[in-house]
PDB file of N, CA and C in Angstrom:
ATOM      1  N   UNK A   1    -104.654  11.812  36.460  1.00  0.00           N
ATOM      2  CA  UNK A   1    -106.148  11.665  36.201  1.00  0.00           C
ATOM      3  C   UNK A   1    -106.088  12.519  35.089  1.00  0.00           C
ATOM      4  N   UNK A   2    -106.934  12.419  33.986  1.00  0.00           N
ATOM      5  CA  UNK A   2    -107.426  13.523  32.627  1.00  0.00           C
ATOM      6  C   UNK A   2    -108.745  13.628  33.145  1.00  0.00           C
ATOM      7  N   UNK A   3    -109.155  14.537  32.567  1.00  0.00           N
ATOM      8  CA  UNK A   3    -110.781  15.213  32.463  1.00  0.00           C
ATOM      9  C   UNK A   3    -110.722  15.727  31.239  1.00  0.00           C
ATOM     10  N   UNK A   4    -111.668  15.445  30.330  1.00  0.00           N
ATOM     11  CA  UNK A   4    -111.831  16.185  29.140  1.00  0.00           C
ATOM     12  C   UNK A   4    -113.588  16.564  29.057  1.00  0.00           C
ATOM     13  N   UNK A   5    -113.954  17.832  28.275  1.00  0.00           N
ATOM     14  CA  UNK A   5    -115.160  18.156  28.096  1.00  0.00           C
ATOM     15  C   UNK A   5    -115.261  17.910  26.476  1.00  0.00           C
ATOM     16  N   UNK A   6    -115.991  17.650  25.755  1.00  0.00           N
ATOM     17  CA  UNK A   6    -115.806  17.537  24.791  1.00  0.00           C
ATOM     18  C   UNK A   6    -117.562  18.684  23.894  1.00  0.00           C
ATOM     19  N   UNK A   7    -117.788  19.524  24.145  1.00  0.00           N
ATOM     20  CA  UNK A   7    -118.404  20.545  23.873  1.00  0.00           C
ATOM     21  C   UNK A   7    -119.802  20.385  22.677  1.00  0.00           C
ATOM     22  N   UNK A   8    -118.513  19.955  20.931  1.00  0.00           N
ATOM     23  CA  UNK A   8    -119.126  19.257  20.576  1.00  0.00           C
ATOM     24  C   UNK A   8    -120.566  18.003  20.739  1.00  0.00           C
ATOM     25  N   UNK A   9    -120.130  17.223  21.470  1.00  0.00           N
ATOM     26  CA  UNK A   9    -120.604  15.897  21.790  1.00  0.00           C
ATOM     27  C   UNK A   9    -121.244  15.970  22.951  1.00  0.00           C
ATOM     28  N   UNK A  10    -121.302  17.215  24.044  1.00  0.00           N
ATOM     29  CA  UNK A  10    -121.529  16.826  25.531  1.00  0.00           C
ATOM     30  C   UNK A  10    -121.364  15.877  26.488  1.00  0.00           C
ATOM     31  N   UNK A  11    -120.360  15.238  26.154  1.00  0.00           N
ATOM     32  CA  UNK A  11    -119.395  14.397  26.170  1.00  0.00           C
ATOM     33  C   UNK A  11    -118.333  14.654  27.889  1.00  0.00           C
ATOM     34  N   UNK A  12    -118.611  13.988  28.649  1.00  0.00           N
ATOM     35  CA  UNK A  12    -117.226  14.825  30.081  1.00  0.00           C
ATOM     36  C   UNK A  12    -116.528  13.149  30.681  1.00  0.00           C
ATOM     37  N   UNK A  13    -115.265  12.792  29.836  1.00  0.00           N
ATOM     38  CA  UNK A  13    -114.466  11.602  30.153  1.00  0.00           C
ATOM     39  C   UNK A  13    -113.544  11.926  31.392  1.00  0.00           C
ATOM     40  N   UNK A  14    -113.736  11.014  32.542  1.00  0.00           N
ATOM     41  CA  UNK A  14    -112.340  10.984  33.392  1.00  0.00           C
ATOM     42  C   UNK A  14    -111.683  10.165  32.964  1.00  0.00           C
ATOM     43  N   UNK A  15    -110.405  10.278  32.522  1.00  0.00           N
ATOM     44  CA  UNK A  15    -109.055   9.176  32.205  1.00  0.00           C
ATOM     45  C   UNK A  15    -108.852   8.956  33.575  1.00  0.00           C
ATOM     46  N   UNK A  16    -108.947   7.700  33.963  1.00  0.00           N
ATOM     47  CA  UNK A  16    -108.373   7.004  35.352  1.00  0.00           C
ATOM     48  C   UNK A  16    -106.812   6.670  34.972  1.00  0.00           C
ATOM     49  N   UNK A  17    -106.681   5.727  33.897  1.00  0.00           N
ATOM     50  CA  UNK A  17    -105.183   5.578  33.737  1.00  0.00           C
ATOM     51  C   UNK A  17    -104.835   5.829  31.997  1.00  0.00           C
ATOM     52  N   UNK A  18    -103.651   5.283  31.809  1.00  0.00           N
ATOM     53  CA  UNK A  18    -103.481   4.873  30.254  1.00  0.00           C
ATOM     54  C   UNK A  18    -103.513   3.948  29.547  1.00  0.00           C
ATOM     55  N   UNK A  19    -104.335   2.940  30.445  1.00  0.00           N
ATOM     56  CA  UNK A  19    -104.838   1.299  29.709  1.00  0.00           C
ATOM     57  C   UNK A  19    -105.310   1.621  28.617  1.00  0.00           C
ATOM     58  N   UNK A  20    -105.269   0.110  27.900  1.00  0.00           N
ATOM     59  CA  UNK A  20    -105.990   0.348  26.888  1.00  0.00           C
ATOM     60  C   UNK A  20    -107.280  -0.444  26.992  1.00  0.00           C
ATOM     61  N   UNK A  21    -108.549   0.341  26.752  1.00  0.00           N
ATOM     62  CA  UNK A  21    -110.010  -0.176  26.766  1.00  0.00           C
ATOM     63  C   UNK A  21    -110.296  -1.834  25.875  1.00  0.00           C
ATOM     64  N   UNK A  22    -110.785  -2.723  26.534  1.00  0.00           N
ATOM     65  CA  UNK A  22    -110.972  -3.860  26.095  1.00  0.00           C
ATOM     66  C   UNK A  22    -112.256  -3.852  26.114  1.00  0.00           C
ATOM     67  N   UNK A  23    -113.439  -3.515  27.240  1.00  0.00           N
ATOM     68  CA  UNK A  23    -114.489  -3.636  27.570  1.00  0.00           C
ATOM     69  C   UNK A  23    -115.009  -2.098  27.887  1.00  0.00           C
ATOM     70  N   UNK A  24    -116.441  -2.041  27.600  1.00  0.00           N
ATOM     71  CA  UNK A  24    -117.039  -1.161  28.150  1.00  0.00           C
ATOM     72  C   UNK A  24    -118.562  -0.925  28.571  1.00  0.00           C
ATOM     73  N   UNK A  25    -118.892  -0.631  29.532  1.00  0.00           N
ATOM     74  CA  UNK A  25    -120.285  -0.959  29.673  1.00  0.00           C
ATOM     75  C   UNK A  25    -121.197   0.300  30.156  1.00  0.00           C
ATOM     76  N   UNK A  26    -122.563   0.148  30.088  1.00  0.00           N
ATOM     77  CA  UNK A  26    -123.358   1.339  30.158  1.00  0.00           C
ATOM     78  C   UNK A  26    -123.442   1.066  31.679  1.00  0.00           C
ATOM     79  N   UNK A  27    -123.503   1.269  32.570  1.00  0.00           N
ATOM     80  CA  UNK A  27    -123.889   0.873  34.090  1.00  0.00           C
ATOM     81  C   UNK A  27    -125.292   1.650  33.719  1.00  0.00           C
ATOM     82  N   UNK A  28    -125.910   2.856  33.984  1.00  0.00           N
ATOM     83  CA  UNK A  28    -126.856   3.422  33.594  1.00  0.00           C
ATOM     84  C   UNK A  28    -127.009   4.030  32.599  1.00  0.00           C
ATOM     85  N   UNK A  29    -128.130   4.612  32.411  1.00  0.00           N
ATOM     86  CA  UNK A  29    -128.127   5.165  30.839  1.00  0.00           C
ATOM     87  C   UNK A  29    -127.511   6.686  30.788  1.00  0.00           C
ATOM     88  N   UNK A  30    -126.674   6.846  29.590  1.00  0.00           N
ATOM     89  CA  UNK A  30    -125.607   7.690  29.956  1.00  0.00           C
ATOM     90  C   UNK A  30    -123.927   7.347  30.770  1.00  0.00           C
ATOM     91  N   UNK A  31    -124.056   6.664  31.363  1.00  0.00           N
ATOM     92  CA  UNK A  31    -122.392   6.360  32.233  1.00  0.00           C
ATOM     93  C   UNK A  31    -121.884   5.348  31.525  1.00  0.00           C
ATOM     94  N   UNK A  32    -120.858   5.513  31.157  1.00  0.00           N
ATOM     95  CA  UNK A  32    -119.982   4.278  30.205  1.00  0.00           C
ATOM     96  C   UNK A  32    -118.791   4.206  30.741  1.00  0.00           C
ATOM     97  N   UNK A  33    -118.626   2.941  32.161  1.00  0.00           N
ATOM     98  CA  UNK A  33    -117.219   2.622  32.433  1.00  0.00           C
ATOM     99  C   UNK A  33    -116.498   1.862  31.327  1.00  0.00           C
ATOM    100  N   UNK A  34    -115.625   2.140  30.986  1.00  0.00           N
ATOM    101  CA  UNK A  34    -114.383   1.531  29.798  1.00  0.00           C
ATOM    102  C   UNK A  34    -113.248   1.090  31.037  1.00  0.00           C
ATOM    103  N   UNK A  35    -113.234  -0.290  30.442  1.00  0.00           N
ATOM    104  CA  UNK A  35    -112.124  -1.616  31.362  1.00  0.00           C
ATOM    105  C   UNK A  35    -110.957  -2.107  30.500  1.00  0.00           C
ATOM    106  N   UNK A  36    -110.111  -2.067  31.182  1.00  0.00           N
ATOM    107  CA  UNK A  36    -108.734  -2.634  30.654  1.00  0.00           C
ATOM    108  C   UNK A  36    -108.904  -3.864  30.359  1.00  0.00           C
ATOM    109  N   UNK A  37    -107.892  -5.182  29.843  1.00  0.00           N
ATOM    110  CA  UNK A  37    -108.085  -6.533  29.850  1.00  0.00           C
ATOM    111  C   UNK A  37    -108.075  -7.321  31.490  1.00  0.00           C
ATOM    112  N   UNK A  38    -107.696  -6.498  31.839  1.00  0.00           N
ATOM    113  CA  UNK A  38    -107.822  -6.994  33.654  1.00  0.00           C
ATOM    114  C   UNK A  38    -109.080  -6.809  34.486  1.00  0.00           C
ATOM    115  N   UNK A  39    -109.701  -6.050  33.857  1.00  0.00           N
ATOM    116  CA  UNK A  39    -111.038  -6.158  34.477  1.00  0.00           C
ATOM    117  C   UNK A  39    -110.749  -4.477  35.100  1.00  0.00           C
ATOM    118  N   UNK A  40    -109.848  -3.818  35.316  1.00  0.00           N
ATOM    119  CA  UNK A  40    -109.697  -2.638  35.745  1.00  0.00           C
ATOM    120  C   UNK A  40    -110.496  -1.205  34.741  1.00  0.00           C
ATOM    121  N   UNK A  41    -110.845  -0.578  36.230  1.00  0.00           N
ATOM    122  CA  UNK A  41    -111.582   0.847  35.200  1.00  0.00           C
ATOM    123  C   UNK A  41    -110.231   1.878  34.925  1.00  0.00           C
ATOM    124  N   UNK A  42    -110.203   1.905  33.311  1.00  0.00           N
ATOM    125  CA  UNK A  42    -109.860   2.934  32.648  1.00  0.00           C
ATOM    126  C   UNK A  42    -110.273   4.539  32.728  1.00  0.00           C
ATOM    127  N   UNK A  43    -111.412   4.500  32.387  1.00  0.00           N
ATOM    128  CA  UNK A  43    -112.014   6.340  32.107  1.00  0.00           C
ATOM    129  C   UNK A  43    -113.449   5.279  32.516  1.00  0.00           C
ATOM    130  N   UNK A  44    -114.478   6.877  32.739  1.00  0.00           N
ATOM    131  CA  UNK A  44    -115.910   6.556  32.497  1.00  0.00           C
ATOM    132  C   UNK A  44    -116.360   7.942  31.756  1.00  0.00           C
ATOM    133  N   UNK A  45    -117.293   7.846  30.946  1.00  0.00           N
ATOM    134  CA  UNK A  45    -118.003   8.578  30.206  1.00  0.00           C
ATOM    135  C   UNK A  45    -119.463   9.330  30.671  1.00  0.00           C
ATOM    136  N   UNK A  46    -119.828  10.126  30.421  1.00  0.00           N
ATOM    137  CA  UNK A  46    -120.783  11.178  30.812  1.00  0.00           C
ATOM    138  C   UNK A  46    -121.247  11.501  29.828  1.00  0.00           C
ATOM    139  N   UNK A  47    -122.425  10.795  29.455  1.00  0.00           N
ATOM    140  CA  UNK A  47    -122.995  11.758  27.965  1.00  0.00           C
ATOM    141  C   UNK A  47    -123.669  12.322  28.410  1.00  0.00           C
ATOM    142  N   UNK A  48    -124.161  13.114  27.496  1.00  0.00           N
ATOM    143  CA  UNK A  48    -125.216  14.521  27.777  1.00  0.00           C
ATOM    144  C   UNK A  48    -125.067  15.250  28.994  1.00  0.00           C
ATOM    145  N   UNK A  49    -123.771  15.252  29.347  1.00  0.00           N
ATOM    146  CA  UNK A  49    -123.262  15.751  30.437  1.00  0.00           C
ATOM    147  C   UNK A  49    -123.957  17.369  31.017  1.00  0.00           C
ATOM    148  N   UNK A  50    -124.225  18.405  29.605  1.00  0.00           N
ATOM    149  CA  UNK A  50    -124.693  19.382  30.494  1.00  0.00           C
ATOM    150  C   UNK A  50    -126.492  19.566  31.052  1.00  0.00           C
ATOM    151  N   UNK A  51    -127.453  17.972  30.788  1.00  0.00           N
ATOM    152  CA  UNK A  51    -128.209  17.649  31.560  1.00  0.00           C
ATOM    153  C   UNK A  51    -127.832  17.265  32.711  1.00  0.00           C
ATOM    154  N   UNK A  52    -126.619  16.461  33.005  1.00  0.00           N
ATOM    155  CA  UNK A  52    -126.346  16.386  34.415  1.00  0.00           C
ATOM    156  C   UNK A  52    -126.201  17.075  35.315  1.00  0.00           C
ATOM    157  N   UNK A  53    -125.004  18.397  34.936  1.00  0.00           N
ATOM    158  CA  UNK A  53    -124.050  18.801  35.465  1.00  0.00           C
ATOM    159  C   UNK A  53    -124.250  20.035  35.067  1.00  0.00           C
ATOM    160  N   UNK A  54    -124.091  20.669  36.271  1.00  0.00           N
ATOM    161  CA  UNK A  54    -124.647  22.199  36.888  1.00  0.00           C
ATOM    162  C   UNK A  54    -123.444  23.157  35.865  1.00  0.00           C
ATOM    163  N   UNK A  55    -122.195  22.621  35.809  1.00  0.00           N
ATOM    164  CA  UNK A  55    -121.603  23.415  34.533  1.00  0.00           C
ATOM    165  C   UNK A  55    -120.132  22.437  33.970  1.00  0.00           C
ATOM    166  N   UNK A  56    -120.420  21.263  33.307  1.00  0.00           N
ATOM    167  CA  UNK A  56    -119.758  20.387  32.739  1.00  0.00           C
ATOM    168  C   UNK A  56    -118.025  21.353  32.169  1.00  0.00           C
ATOM    169  N   UNK A  57    -117.814  22.317  32.380  1.00  0.00           N
ATOM    170  CA  UNK A  57    -116.751  22.736  32.471  1.00  0.00           C
ATOM    171  C   UNK A  57    -116.148  23.480  33.110  1.00  0.00           C
ATOM    172  N   UNK A  58    -116.707  23.553  34.312  1.00  0.00           N
ATOM    173  CA  UNK A  58    -115.984  24.107  35.859  1.00  0.00           C
ATOM    174  C   UNK A  58    -115.950  22.847  36.557  1.00  0.00           C
ATOM    175  N   UNK A  59    -114.544  22.787  37.380  1.00  0.00           N
ATOM    176  CA  UNK A  59    -113.586  21.563  37.748  1.00  0.00           C
ATOM    177  C   UNK A  59    -113.255  21.925  38.938  1.00  0.00           C
ATOM    178  N   UNK A  60    -113.497  21.890  40.015  1.00  0.00           N
ATOM    179  CA  UNK A  60    -113.566  21.763  41.396  1.00  0.00           C
ATOM    180  C   UNK A  60    -112.138  20.309  41.856  1.00  0.00           C
ATOM    181  N   UNK A  61    -110.904  20.592  42.437  1.00  0.00           N
ATOM    182  CA  UNK A  61    -110.635  19.658  42.910  1.00  0.00           C
ATOM    183  C   UNK A  61    -110.117  20.117  44.459  1.00  0.00           C
ATOM    184  N   UNK A  62    -109.869  18.555  45.335  1.00  0.00           N
ATOM    185  CA  UNK A  62    -110.147  19.020  46.781  1.00  0.00           C
ATOM    186  C   UNK A  62    -108.889  17.566  47.122  1.00  0.00           C
ATOM    187  N   UNK A  63    -108.168  18.140  47.934  1.00  0.00           N
ATOM    188  CA  UNK A  63    -107.128  16.872  48.320  1.00  0.00           C
ATOM    189  C   UNK A  63    -107.393  17.009  49.967  1.00  0.00           C
ATOM    190  N   UNK A  64    -108.428  15.476  50.331  1.00  0.00           N
ATOM    191  CA  UNK A  64    -108.020  15.588  52.133  1.00  0.00           C
ATOM    192  C   UNK A  64    -107.244  15.200  52.707  1.00  0.00           C
ATOM    193  N   UNK A  65    -107.146  15.906  54.026  1.00  0.00           N
ATOM    194  CA  UNK A  65    -105.331  15.035  54.512  1.00  0.00           C
ATOM    195  C   UNK A  65    -106.313  13.506  55.396  1.00  0.00           C
ATOM    196  N   UNK A  66    -105.147  13.070  55.167  1.00  0.00           N
ATOM    197  CA  UNK A  66    -104.764  11.881  55.916  1.00  0.00           C
ATOM    198  C   UNK A  66    -104.896  12.412  57.145  1.00  0.00           C
ATOM    199  N   UNK A  67    -105.585  11.300  57.962  1.00  0.00           N
ATOM    200  CA  UNK A  67    -105.392  11.886  59.376  1.00  0.00           C
ATOM    201  C   UNK A  67    -104.049  10.758  59.874  1.00  0.00           C
ATOM    202  N   UNK A  68    -103.215  10.799  60.549  1.00  0.00           N
ATOM    203  CA  UNK A  68    -102.164   9.917  61.389  1.00  0.00           C
ATOM    204  C   UNK A  68    -102.258   9.219  62.349  1.00  0.00           C
ATOM    205  N   UNK A  69    -102.147   7.713  62.201  1.00  0.00           N
ATOM    206  CA  UNK A  69    -102.492   7.181  63.979  1.00  0.00           C
ATOM    207  C   UNK A  69    -101.046   7.492  64.475  1.00  0.00           C
ATOM    208  N   UNK A  70    -102.009   7.836  65.784  1.00  0.00           N
ATOM    209  CA  UNK A  70    -100.820   7.920  67.084  1.00  0.00           C
ATOM    210  C   UNK A  70    -100.145   6.457  67.669  1.00  0.00           C
TER     211      UNK A  70
END
């Protein structure tokens, strides 16, 4: 996954895979999902990111451990 913040356009983009975008839908105002030709989500764009996030340039990453079955 890749995260890009464009300061010039105030857009935060989360890229989930390198698939080619064949369709985009604005699911709510300022939130755009991009899909490949099989309907899988390729990326998500957040417009006017600084108005929606506390700090769009700050990233926190957390990896939760999976519980093992006994």
